[in-house]
Amino acid sequence: MKKFFTTSEAAQICGVAHTTVIRWIGDGKLKAHETPGGHRRIERGDLLEFLKKFKMPIPASLAEARFRALAVDDDALMLSMIRKMFDGHKDKVELHLATHGMAALMLIGKIPFDLLILDVIMPDMDGIEVCRALKRNPDTAAVKIIAITGKLLTEEQEEYLNRNTECLLKKPFSPSLLLELIDGIRRREAKEQAS
């Protein structure tokens, strides 16, 4: 589910010119933040609130409540297990898979995700590097991350993950535990968007 919109995207949703959206932001009618590059970004919730307040139509794509998750692991068996776990939840969760960190970042650049199930130890770009890249970018900083690992981590790695992810699961873990965690995150996000 897309979390942030550019002023051009918001203009298209509202059926107005790009400059009108910029004026609304300047007048304080529509909340937005500025990226380090000087671009304005509008949070999904703020755009929804604006549309409701001014009785504008809400497109189905914006009201869509489907939760998007991306599982990233270089272990094909782990990805297969995660995919099987989600088979009974396709109506609620749209699952994507990636086998390494760079592929995950490229996918995140094209599709907004609500959650990453992220292996910590991977070749080339590990999960901590992926996490750092996401947290540095205002458009992806809010993505929830569940870190998973089958390896022993350093104290520094564990501290970083405890501060920057929802939780750290040690392999092997129970599929029902992972589903419980994801369900909790999904319910919390739905509650935040409704308020």
N, C-alpha and C. Protein backbone atom coordinates (compact mmCIF):
# COMPACT_ATOMS: atom_id res chain seq x y z
N MET A 1 0.84 -1.17 0.00
CA MET A 1 0.00 0.00 0.00
C MET A 1 0.89 1.24 0.00
N LYS A 2 0.65 2.16 -0.91
CA LYS A 2 1.47 3.37 -1.03
C LYS A 2 1.27 4.24 0.20
N LYS A 3 2.38 4.67 0.81
CA LYS A 3 2.29 5.47 2.04
C LYS A 3 2.45 6.97 1.78
N PHE A 4 3.21 7.34 0.74
CA PHE A 4 3.48 8.74 0.45
C PHE A 4 3.17 9.04 -1.01
N PHE A 5 2.71 10.26 -1.27
CA PHE A 5 2.38 10.68 -2.62
C PHE A 5 3.12 11.96 -2.94
N THR A 6 3.54 12.09 -4.21
CA THR A 6 4.13 13.34 -4.67
C THR A 6 2.99 14.34 -4.89
N THR A 7 3.32 15.59 -5.08
CA THR A 7 2.28 16.59 -5.34
C THR A 7 1.59 16.30 -6.68
N SER A 8 2.33 15.77 -7.65
CA SER A 8 1.72 15.43 -8.95
C SER A 8 0.73 14.28 -8.81
N GLU A 9 1.09 13.27 -8.01
CA GLU A 9 0.18 12.14 -7.77
C GLU A 9 -1.07 12.60 -7.04
N ALA A 10 -0.90 13.48 -6.04
CA ALA A 10 -2.04 14.00 -5.30
C ALA A 10 -2.94 14.83 -6.21
N ALA A 11 -2.34 15.59 -7.12
CA ALA A 11 -3.11 16.40 -8.07
C ALA A 11 -3.96 15.50 -8.96
N GLN A 12 -3.37 14.40 -9.42
CA GLN A 12 -4.10 13.47 -10.27
C GLN A 12 -5.28 12.84 -9.51
N ILE A 13 -5.05 12.46 -8.26
CA ILE A 13 -6.11 11.88 -7.42
C ILE A 13 -7.24 12.88 -7.20
N CYS A 14 -6.88 14.15 -6.96
CA CYS A 14 -7.87 15.19 -6.67
C CYS A 14 -8.49 15.79 -7.93
N GLY A 15 -7.91 15.50 -9.10
CA GLY A 15 -8.44 16.04 -10.35
C GLY A 15 -8.19 17.52 -10.51
N VAL A 16 -7.02 17.97 -10.01
CA VAL A 16 -6.67 19.40 -10.10
C VAL A 16 -5.26 19.53 -10.67
N ALA A 17 -4.85 20.76 -10.90
CA ALA A 17 -3.49 21.01 -11.39
C ALA A 17 -2.49 20.84 -10.25
N HIS A 18 -1.28 20.47 -10.60
CA HIS A 18 -0.17 20.29 -9.67
C HIS A 18 0.02 21.54 -8.80
N THR A 19 -0.09 22.73 -9.42
CA THR A 19 0.10 23.99 -8.68
C THR A 19 -0.98 24.20 -7.62
N THR A 20 -2.17 23.66 -7.86
CA THR A 20 -3.26 23.78 -6.88
C THR A 20 -2.89 23.02 -5.61
N VAL A 21 -2.33 21.83 -5.75
CA VAL A 21 -1.91 21.04 -4.59
C VAL A 21 -0.82 21.78 -3.83
N ILE A 22 0.12 22.38 -4.55
CA ILE A 22 1.19 23.15 -3.90
C ILE A 22 0.59 24.33 -3.13
N ARG A 23 -0.43 24.98 -3.71
CA ARG A 23 -1.10 26.09 -3.02
C ARG A 23 -1.80 25.59 -1.75
N TRP A 24 -2.50 24.45 -1.85
CA TRP A 24 -3.18 23.87 -0.67
C TRP A 24 -2.18 23.60 0.45
N ILE A 25 -1.00 23.10 0.09
CA ILE A 25 0.05 22.83 1.08
C ILE A 25 0.51 24.15 1.70
N GLY A 26 0.77 25.14 0.85
CA GLY A 26 1.20 26.46 1.32
C GLY A 26 0.18 27.13 2.22
N ASP A 27 -1.11 26.93 1.93
CA ASP A 27 -2.19 27.51 2.74
C ASP A 27 -2.47 26.71 4.01
N GLY A 28 -1.79 25.56 4.18
CA GLY A 28 -1.99 24.74 5.38
C GLY A 28 -3.23 23.86 5.32
N LYS A 29 -3.85 23.75 4.15
CA LYS A 29 -5.05 22.91 4.02
C LYS A 29 -4.68 21.43 3.91
N LEU A 30 -3.53 21.16 3.30
CA LEU A 30 -3.08 19.79 3.09
C LEU A 30 -1.69 19.64 3.70
N LYS A 31 -1.55 18.68 4.62
CA LYS A 31 -0.26 18.45 5.28
C LYS A 31 0.71 17.77 4.33
N ALA A 32 1.98 18.16 4.42
CA ALA A 32 3.04 17.54 3.63
C ALA A 32 4.36 17.75 4.34
N HIS A 33 5.34 16.91 4.03
CA HIS A 33 6.69 17.14 4.53
C HIS A 33 7.63 17.30 3.34
N GLU A 34 8.79 17.86 3.62
CA GLU A 34 9.75 18.09 2.55
C GLU A 34 10.91 17.11 2.69
N THR A 35 11.29 16.49 1.59
CA THR A 35 12.43 15.56 1.60
C THR A 35 13.73 16.38 1.63
N PRO A 36 14.86 15.74 1.98
CA PRO A 36 16.13 16.47 1.95
C PRO A 36 16.43 17.08 0.57
N GLY A 37 15.85 16.50 -0.48
CA GLY A 37 16.06 17.01 -1.84
C GLY A 37 15.12 18.15 -2.20
N GLY A 38 14.26 18.56 -1.24
CA GLY A 38 13.36 19.69 -1.48
C GLY A 38 12.02 19.32 -2.13
N HIS A 39 11.72 18.03 -2.21
CA HIS A 39 10.45 17.59 -2.79
C HIS A 39 9.41 17.40 -1.69
N ARG A 40 8.17 17.74 -2.00
CA ARG A 40 7.09 17.56 -1.02
C ARG A 40 6.51 16.16 -1.13
N ARG A 41 6.21 15.56 0.02
CA ARG A 41 5.56 14.25 0.06
C ARG A 41 4.35 14.34 1.00
N ILE A 42 3.26 13.74 0.57
CA ILE A 42 2.00 13.77 1.32
C ILE A 42 1.71 12.37 1.81
N GLU A 43 1.53 12.21 3.12
CA GLU A 43 1.22 10.90 3.67
C GLU A 43 -0.17 10.47 3.24
N ARG A 44 -0.34 9.18 3.03
CA ARG A 44 -1.62 8.60 2.60
C ARG A 44 -2.77 9.04 3.53
N GLY A 45 -2.53 8.92 4.85
CA GLY A 45 -3.56 9.28 5.82
C GLY A 45 -3.95 10.75 5.73
N ASP A 46 -2.97 11.63 5.52
CA ASP A 46 -3.25 13.07 5.39
C ASP A 46 -4.05 13.37 4.12
N LEU A 47 -3.73 12.66 3.05
CA LEU A 47 -4.47 12.85 1.80
C LEU A 47 -5.91 12.37 1.95
N LEU A 48 -6.09 11.21 2.59
CA LEU A 48 -7.44 10.68 2.84
C LEU A 48 -8.25 11.65 3.70
N GLU A 49 -7.62 12.16 4.75
CA GLU A 49 -8.28 13.12 5.65
C GLU A 49 -8.70 14.38 4.89
N PHE A 50 -7.83 14.87 4.02
CA PHE A 50 -8.12 16.06 3.21
C PHE A 50 -9.32 15.81 2.30
N LEU A 51 -9.32 14.64 1.61
CA LEU A 51 -10.42 14.31 0.70
C LEU A 51 -11.75 14.22 1.45
N LYS A 52 -11.73 13.60 2.63
CA LYS A 52 -12.96 13.48 3.44
C LYS A 52 -13.43 14.85 3.91
N LYS A 53 -12.50 15.65 4.40
CA LYS A 53 -12.83 16.98 4.95
C LYS A 53 -13.51 17.86 3.90
N PHE A 54 -13.01 17.80 2.67
CA PHE A 54 -13.55 18.64 1.61
C PHE A 54 -14.54 17.90 0.70
N LYS A 55 -15.02 16.73 1.21
CA LYS A 55 -16.06 15.94 0.53
C LYS A 55 -15.72 15.66 -0.94
N MET A 56 -14.46 15.30 -1.15
CA MET A 56 -14.00 14.93 -2.49
C MET A 56 -14.07 13.41 -2.63
N PRO A 57 -14.29 12.89 -3.85
CA PRO A 57 -14.36 11.43 -4.01
C PRO A 57 -13.02 10.76 -3.68
N ILE A 58 -13.12 9.60 -3.03
CA ILE A 58 -11.92 8.84 -2.67
C ILE A 58 -11.79 7.66 -3.64
N PRO A 59 -10.74 7.65 -4.47
CA PRO A 59 -10.58 6.56 -5.42
C PRO A 59 -10.38 5.22 -4.70
N ALA A 60 -10.87 4.15 -5.32
CA ALA A 60 -10.74 2.82 -4.73
C ALA A 60 -9.29 2.46 -4.45
N SER A 61 -8.38 2.88 -5.33
CA SER A 61 -6.96 2.56 -5.15
C SER A 61 -6.40 3.19 -3.87
N LEU A 62 -6.93 4.33 -3.47
CA LEU A 62 -6.46 5.00 -2.26
C LEU A 62 -7.09 4.38 -1.02
N ALA A 63 -8.33 3.93 -1.14
CA ALA A 63 -9.04 3.33 -0.01
C ALA A 63 -8.69 1.86 0.17
N GLU A 64 -7.96 1.30 -0.81
CA GLU A 64 -7.60 -0.12 -0.78
C GLU A 64 -6.93 -0.49 0.54
N ALA A 65 -7.40 -1.56 1.14
CA ALA A 65 -6.87 -1.96 2.45
C ALA A 65 -5.97 -3.19 2.38
N ARG A 66 -5.50 -3.55 1.22
CA ARG A 66 -4.66 -4.74 1.08
C ARG A 66 -3.26 -4.43 1.62
N PHE A 67 -2.76 -5.30 2.43
CA PHE A 67 -1.47 -5.16 3.10
C PHE A 67 -0.39 -5.82 2.23
N ARG A 68 0.70 -5.10 1.96
CA ARG A 68 1.77 -5.64 1.11
C ARG A 68 2.99 -6.00 1.96
N ALA A 69 3.46 -7.24 1.76
CA ALA A 69 4.64 -7.70 2.49
C ALA A 69 5.68 -8.20 1.49
N LEU A 70 6.95 -8.00 1.83
CA LEU A 70 8.06 -8.47 1.01
C LEU A 70 8.96 -9.33 1.89
N ALA A 71 9.14 -10.59 1.51
CA ALA A 71 10.06 -11.48 2.22
C ALA A 71 11.37 -11.51 1.46
N VAL A 72 12.47 -11.26 2.18
CA VAL A 72 13.80 -11.19 1.56
C VAL A 72 14.72 -12.19 2.26
N ASP A 73 15.16 -13.20 1.52
CA ASP A 73 16.04 -14.22 2.10
C ASP A 73 16.78 -14.92 0.96
N ASP A 74 18.06 -15.21 1.17
CA ASP A 74 18.82 -15.92 0.14
C ASP A 74 18.60 -17.43 0.23
N ASP A 75 17.85 -17.89 1.22
CA ASP A 75 17.54 -19.31 1.39
C ASP A 75 16.20 -19.62 0.73
N ALA A 76 16.26 -20.38 -0.39
CA ALA A 76 15.04 -20.71 -1.15
C ALA A 76 14.03 -21.48 -0.31
N LEU A 77 14.51 -22.34 0.59
CA LEU A 77 13.59 -23.11 1.45
C LEU A 77 12.82 -22.20 2.40
N MET A 78 13.50 -21.20 2.94
CA MET A 78 12.84 -20.25 3.85
C MET A 78 11.78 -19.45 3.09
N LEU A 79 12.11 -18.99 1.89
CA LEU A 79 11.13 -18.24 1.09
C LEU A 79 9.93 -19.12 0.74
N SER A 80 10.19 -20.38 0.45
CA SER A 80 9.11 -21.32 0.14
C SER A 80 8.20 -21.52 1.35
N MET A 81 8.80 -21.64 2.53
CA MET A 81 8.02 -21.79 3.77
C MET A 81 7.16 -20.55 4.02
N ILE A 82 7.74 -19.38 3.82
CA ILE A 82 7.00 -18.13 4.03
C ILE A 82 5.86 -18.03 3.02
N ARG A 83 6.12 -18.37 1.77
CA ARG A 83 5.07 -18.33 0.75
C ARG A 83 3.91 -19.26 1.13
N LYS A 84 4.23 -20.46 1.58
CA LYS A 84 3.18 -21.42 2.00
C LYS A 84 2.38 -20.88 3.18
N MET A 85 3.06 -20.20 4.11
CA MET A 85 2.37 -19.62 5.27
C MET A 85 1.29 -18.64 4.83
N PHE A 86 1.57 -17.91 3.76
CA PHE A 86 0.65 -16.86 3.31
C PHE A 86 -0.44 -17.36 2.37
N ASP A 87 -0.35 -18.62 1.94
CA ASP A 87 -1.33 -19.15 1.00
C ASP A 87 -2.77 -18.96 1.47
N GLY A 88 -3.03 -19.12 2.73
CA GLY A 88 -4.39 -18.97 3.25
C GLY A 88 -4.78 -17.54 3.56
N HIS A 89 -3.90 -16.58 3.26
CA HIS A 89 -4.15 -15.17 3.60
C HIS A 89 -4.07 -14.24 2.40
N LYS A 90 -4.22 -14.80 1.19
CA LYS A 90 -4.06 -14.00 -0.03
C LYS A 90 -5.08 -12.88 -0.15
N ASP A 91 -6.23 -13.03 0.48
CA ASP A 91 -7.26 -11.98 0.43
C ASP A 91 -6.87 -10.77 1.27
N LYS A 92 -5.99 -10.96 2.26
CA LYS A 92 -5.60 -9.87 3.17
C LYS A 92 -4.19 -9.36 2.92
N VAL A 93 -3.30 -10.25 2.47
CA VAL A 93 -1.90 -9.88 2.32
C VAL A 93 -1.40 -10.23 0.92
N GLU A 94 -0.77 -9.24 0.30
CA GLU A 94 -0.13 -9.44 -1.01
C GLU A 94 1.35 -9.66 -0.74
N LEU A 95 1.83 -10.88 -1.00
CA LEU A 95 3.21 -11.24 -0.68
C LEU A 95 4.09 -11.20 -1.93
N HIS A 96 5.28 -10.60 -1.78
CA HIS A 96 6.30 -10.59 -2.82
C HIS A 96 7.56 -11.21 -2.22
N LEU A 97 8.42 -11.74 -3.07
CA LEU A 97 9.65 -12.40 -2.62
C LEU A 97 10.87 -11.82 -3.32
N ALA A 98 11.99 -11.76 -2.59
CA ALA A 98 13.27 -11.35 -3.17
C ALA A 98 14.36 -12.20 -2.55
N THR A 99 15.39 -12.51 -3.35
CA THR A 99 16.45 -13.41 -2.88
C THR A 99 17.71 -12.69 -2.39
N HIS A 100 17.75 -11.36 -2.52
CA HIS A 100 18.90 -10.62 -1.98
C HIS A 100 18.52 -9.16 -1.74
N GLY A 101 19.35 -8.48 -0.96
CA GLY A 101 19.07 -7.12 -0.53
C GLY A 101 18.88 -6.12 -1.65
N MET A 102 19.74 -6.17 -2.66
CA MET A 102 19.63 -5.19 -3.76
C MET A 102 18.33 -5.39 -4.53
N ALA A 103 17.93 -6.65 -4.75
CA ALA A 103 16.66 -6.92 -5.44
C ALA A 103 15.50 -6.37 -4.61
N ALA A 104 15.60 -6.48 -3.30
CA ALA A 104 14.55 -5.96 -2.41
C ALA A 104 14.44 -4.44 -2.55
N LEU A 105 15.57 -3.74 -2.53
CA LEU A 105 15.55 -2.27 -2.64
C LEU A 105 15.00 -1.83 -3.99
N MET A 106 15.34 -2.56 -5.05
CA MET A 106 14.82 -2.22 -6.38
C MET A 106 13.30 -2.40 -6.42
N LEU A 107 12.81 -3.46 -5.80
CA LEU A 107 11.38 -3.72 -5.76
C LEU A 107 10.65 -2.66 -4.93
N ILE A 108 11.26 -2.28 -3.81
CA ILE A 108 10.67 -1.26 -2.93
C ILE A 108 10.61 0.09 -3.67
N GLY A 109 11.56 0.33 -4.57
CA GLY A 109 11.54 1.55 -5.36
C GLY A 109 10.36 1.60 -6.33
N LYS A 110 9.81 0.44 -6.69
CA LYS A 110 8.69 0.38 -7.63
C LYS A 110 7.35 0.20 -6.95
N ILE A 111 7.33 -0.56 -5.85
CA ILE A 111 6.09 -0.90 -5.16
C ILE A 111 6.22 -0.53 -3.69
N PRO A 112 5.26 0.20 -3.12
CA PRO A 112 5.33 0.50 -1.69
C PRO A 112 4.91 -0.72 -0.86
N PHE A 113 5.66 -1.01 0.19
CA PHE A 113 5.36 -2.14 1.06
C PHE A 113 5.04 -1.65 2.47
N ASP A 114 4.19 -2.42 3.16
CA ASP A 114 3.87 -2.14 4.55
C ASP A 114 4.84 -2.85 5.47
N LEU A 115 5.37 -4.01 5.01
CA LEU A 115 6.19 -4.85 5.87
C LEU A 115 7.27 -5.57 5.09
N LEU A 116 8.46 -5.69 5.71
CA LEU A 116 9.54 -6.51 5.18
C LEU A 116 9.84 -7.61 6.18
N ILE A 117 9.92 -8.84 5.69
CA ILE A 117 10.42 -9.95 6.48
C ILE A 117 11.83 -10.13 5.95
N LEU A 118 12.81 -9.71 6.72
CA LEU A 118 14.16 -9.48 6.19
C LEU A 118 15.22 -10.35 6.87
N ASP A 119 15.85 -11.21 6.06
CA ASP A 119 16.96 -12.02 6.57
C ASP A 119 18.13 -11.07 6.85
N VAL A 120 18.81 -11.29 7.98
CA VAL A 120 19.91 -10.40 8.35
C VAL A 120 21.19 -10.75 7.59
N ILE A 121 21.53 -12.03 7.54
CA ILE A 121 22.80 -12.43 6.92
C ILE A 121 22.56 -12.92 5.49
N MET A 122 22.97 -12.10 4.53
CA MET A 122 22.86 -12.44 3.11
C MET A 122 24.14 -11.99 2.42
N PRO A 123 24.51 -12.65 1.30
CA PRO A 123 25.72 -12.21 0.58
C PRO A 123 25.49 -10.85 -0.09
N ASP A 124 26.55 -10.18 -0.42
CA ASP A 124 26.56 -8.87 -1.10
C ASP A 124 26.00 -7.76 -0.22
N MET A 125 24.67 -7.71 -0.05
CA MET A 125 24.07 -6.66 0.78
C MET A 125 23.23 -7.33 1.86
N ASP A 126 23.66 -7.20 3.11
CA ASP A 126 22.94 -7.89 4.17
C ASP A 126 21.70 -7.11 4.63
N GLY A 127 20.93 -7.72 5.52
CA GLY A 127 19.69 -7.12 5.99
C GLY A 127 19.89 -5.81 6.73
N ILE A 128 20.99 -5.67 7.43
CA ILE A 128 21.25 -4.42 8.16
C ILE A 128 21.47 -3.27 7.18
N GLU A 129 22.20 -3.53 6.09
CA GLU A 129 22.40 -2.50 5.06
C GLU A 129 21.07 -2.11 4.40
N VAL A 130 20.21 -3.10 4.16
CA VAL A 130 18.88 -2.83 3.59
C VAL A 130 18.09 -1.96 4.56
N CYS A 131 18.11 -2.34 5.82
CA CYS A 131 17.39 -1.59 6.86
C CYS A 131 17.88 -0.14 6.93
N ARG A 132 19.19 0.04 6.92
CA ARG A 132 19.76 1.41 6.97
C ARG A 132 19.32 2.24 5.77
N ALA A 133 19.34 1.62 4.58
CA ALA A 133 18.93 2.33 3.36
C ALA A 133 17.46 2.76 3.46
N LEU A 134 16.61 1.91 3.99
CA LEU A 134 15.18 2.24 4.13
C LEU A 134 14.97 3.34 5.16
N LYS A 135 15.67 3.27 6.28
CA LYS A 135 15.48 4.25 7.36
C LYS A 135 16.00 5.63 6.98
N ARG A 136 16.99 5.68 6.07
CA ARG A 136 17.54 6.99 5.62
C ARG A 136 16.58 7.72 4.69
N ASN A 137 15.71 6.99 4.00
CA ASN A 137 14.82 7.58 3.01
C ASN A 137 13.47 7.90 3.64
N PRO A 138 13.03 9.17 3.64
CA PRO A 138 11.75 9.51 4.27
C PRO A 138 10.55 8.77 3.65
N ASP A 139 10.67 8.38 2.38
CA ASP A 139 9.57 7.67 1.73
C ASP A 139 9.44 6.22 2.20
N THR A 140 10.51 5.66 2.78
CA THR A 140 10.46 4.25 3.20
C THR A 140 10.76 4.06 4.69
N ALA A 141 11.04 5.14 5.39
CA ALA A 141 11.42 5.04 6.81
C ALA A 141 10.35 4.39 7.68
N ALA A 142 9.08 4.51 7.28
CA ALA A 142 7.99 3.98 8.10
C ALA A 142 7.68 2.51 7.83
N VAL A 143 8.34 1.91 6.85
CA VAL A 143 8.08 0.50 6.54
C VAL A 143 8.46 -0.34 7.76
N LYS A 144 7.55 -1.21 8.18
CA LYS A 144 7.80 -2.09 9.31
C LYS A 144 8.70 -3.24 8.85
N ILE A 145 9.61 -3.65 9.74
CA ILE A 145 10.56 -4.71 9.40
C ILE A 145 10.57 -5.77 10.51
N ILE A 146 10.43 -7.02 10.10
CA ILE A 146 10.67 -8.15 11.00
C ILE A 146 11.96 -8.78 10.52
N ALA A 147 13.00 -8.73 11.36
CA ALA A 147 14.30 -9.29 10.99
C ALA A 147 14.32 -10.77 11.39
N ILE A 148 14.92 -11.59 10.54
CA ILE A 148 15.06 -13.02 10.84
C ILE A 148 16.51 -13.44 10.61
N THR A 149 17.00 -14.36 11.43
CA THR A 149 18.37 -14.84 11.24
C THR A 149 18.54 -16.24 11.80
N GLY A 150 19.43 -16.98 11.16
CA GLY A 150 19.80 -18.30 11.65
C GLY A 150 21.23 -18.30 12.16
N LYS A 151 21.87 -17.15 12.10
CA LYS A 151 23.28 -17.02 12.49
C LYS A 151 23.40 -16.24 13.80
N LEU A 152 24.54 -16.41 14.45
CA LEU A 152 24.84 -15.67 15.66
C LEU A 152 25.23 -14.25 15.25
N LEU A 153 24.60 -13.26 15.85
CA LEU A 153 24.89 -11.86 15.51
C LEU A 153 25.79 -11.24 16.57
N THR A 154 26.48 -10.17 16.19
CA THR A 154 27.28 -9.44 17.17
C THR A 154 26.33 -8.64 18.05
N GLU A 155 26.82 -8.20 19.17
CA GLU A 155 26.01 -7.39 20.10
C GLU A 155 25.56 -6.10 19.40
N GLU A 156 26.46 -5.52 18.61
CA GLU A 156 26.16 -4.28 17.88
C GLU A 156 25.02 -4.50 16.87
N GLN A 157 25.10 -5.63 16.14
CA GLN A 157 24.05 -5.95 15.17
C GLN A 157 22.69 -6.13 15.86
N GLU A 158 22.69 -6.86 16.96
CA GLU A 158 21.44 -7.10 17.70
C GLU A 158 20.86 -5.78 18.21
N GLU A 159 21.71 -4.92 18.77
CA GLU A 159 21.24 -3.62 19.28
C GLU A 159 20.61 -2.80 18.17
N TYR A 160 21.28 -2.75 16.99
CA TYR A 160 20.76 -1.98 15.87
C TYR A 160 19.38 -2.51 15.46
N LEU A 161 19.26 -3.83 15.32
CA LEU A 161 17.99 -4.42 14.90
C LEU A 161 16.90 -4.24 15.94
N ASN A 162 17.24 -4.32 17.20
CA ASN A 162 16.24 -4.10 18.26
C ASN A 162 15.71 -2.67 18.24
N ARG A 163 16.54 -1.72 17.84
CA ARG A 163 16.12 -0.30 17.76
C ARG A 163 15.34 0.00 16.49
N ASN A 164 15.63 -0.70 15.39
CA ASN A 164 15.11 -0.29 14.08
C ASN A 164 14.13 -1.25 13.42
N THR A 165 13.78 -2.33 14.11
CA THR A 165 12.82 -3.27 13.54
C THR A 165 11.73 -3.57 14.58
N GLU A 166 10.67 -4.20 14.11
CA GLU A 166 9.58 -4.60 15.02
C GLU A 166 10.08 -5.67 15.98
N CYS A 167 10.85 -6.61 15.45
CA CYS A 167 11.43 -7.67 16.28
C CYS A 167 12.47 -8.43 15.49
N LEU A 168 13.22 -9.25 16.22
CA LEU A 168 14.24 -10.10 15.62
C LEU A 168 13.89 -11.54 15.96
N LEU A 169 13.60 -12.35 14.93
CA LEU A 169 13.26 -13.76 15.13
C LEU A 169 14.46 -14.62 14.79
N LYS A 170 14.74 -15.59 15.66
CA LYS A 170 15.83 -16.53 15.41
C LYS A 170 15.27 -17.77 14.72
N LYS A 171 15.93 -18.18 13.63
CA LYS A 171 15.55 -19.40 12.92
C LYS A 171 16.03 -20.61 13.72
N PRO A 172 15.31 -21.68 13.77
CA PRO A 172 13.97 -21.86 13.20
C PRO A 172 12.92 -21.24 14.13
N PHE A 173 11.89 -20.68 13.55
CA PHE A 173 10.79 -20.11 14.34
C PHE A 173 9.49 -20.72 13.86
N SER A 174 8.48 -20.59 14.68
CA SER A 174 7.18 -21.16 14.36
C SER A 174 6.47 -20.28 13.34
N PRO A 175 5.96 -20.86 12.25
CA PRO A 175 5.21 -20.06 11.27
C PRO A 175 4.03 -19.33 11.93
N SER A 176 3.41 -19.95 12.93
CA SER A 176 2.26 -19.30 13.59
C SER A 176 2.71 -18.04 14.34
N LEU A 177 3.94 -18.04 14.88
CA LEU A 177 4.47 -16.86 15.57
C LEU A 177 4.65 -15.71 14.57
N LEU A 178 5.20 -16.02 13.41
CA LEU A 178 5.39 -14.99 12.38
C LEU A 178 4.04 -14.44 11.93
N LEU A 179 3.08 -15.31 11.70
CA LEU A 179 1.74 -14.86 11.28
C LEU A 179 1.09 -14.00 12.35
N GLU A 180 1.28 -14.36 13.61
CA GLU A 180 0.75 -13.57 14.74
C GLU A 180 1.34 -12.16 14.74
N LEU A 181 2.66 -12.09 14.57
CA LEU A 181 3.34 -10.78 14.54
C LEU A 181 2.83 -9.93 13.38
N ILE A 182 2.70 -10.55 12.21
CA ILE A 182 2.24 -9.83 11.02
C ILE A 182 0.81 -9.35 11.20
N ASP A 183 -0.03 -10.21 11.78
CA ASP A 183 -1.43 -9.84 12.02
C ASP A 183 -1.52 -8.65 12.97
N GLY A 184 -0.66 -8.66 14.00
CA GLY A 184 -0.63 -7.54 14.95
C GLY A 184 -0.23 -6.23 14.27
N ILE A 185 0.77 -6.29 13.40
CA ILE A 185 1.23 -5.10 12.66
C ILE A 185 0.11 -4.62 11.72
N ARG A 186 -0.55 -5.57 11.04
CA ARG A 186 -1.64 -5.23 10.12
C ARG A 186 -2.79 -4.54 10.85
N ARG A 187 -3.18 -5.08 11.99
CA ARG A 187 -4.28 -4.48 12.77
C ARG A 187 -3.91 -3.09 13.27
N ARG A 188 -2.65 -2.94 13.73
CA ARG A 188 -2.19 -1.63 14.22
C ARG A 188 -2.22 -0.60 13.10
N GLU A 189 -1.74 -0.98 11.90
CA GLU A 189 -1.73 -0.06 10.76
C GLU A 189 -3.15 0.33 10.36
N ALA A 190 -4.05 -0.64 10.35
CA ALA A 190 -5.45 -0.37 9.98
C ALA A 190 -6.08 0.59 10.97
N LYS A 191 -5.76 0.41 12.25
CA LYS A 191 -6.29 1.28 13.31
C LYS A 191 -5.76 2.70 13.15
N GLU A 192 -4.45 2.82 12.86
CA GLU A 192 -3.84 4.14 12.67
C GLU A 192 -4.45 4.86 11.48
N GLN A 193 -4.71 4.13 10.39
CA GLN A 193 -5.28 4.75 9.19
C GLN A 193 -6.73 5.16 9.42
N ALA A 194 -7.44 4.43 10.27
CA ALA A 194 -8.85 4.75 10.52
C ALA A 194 -9.00 5.96 11.42
N SER A 195 -7.99 6.20 12.27
CA SER A 195 -8.11 7.33 13.22
C SER A 195 -7.68 8.65 12.60
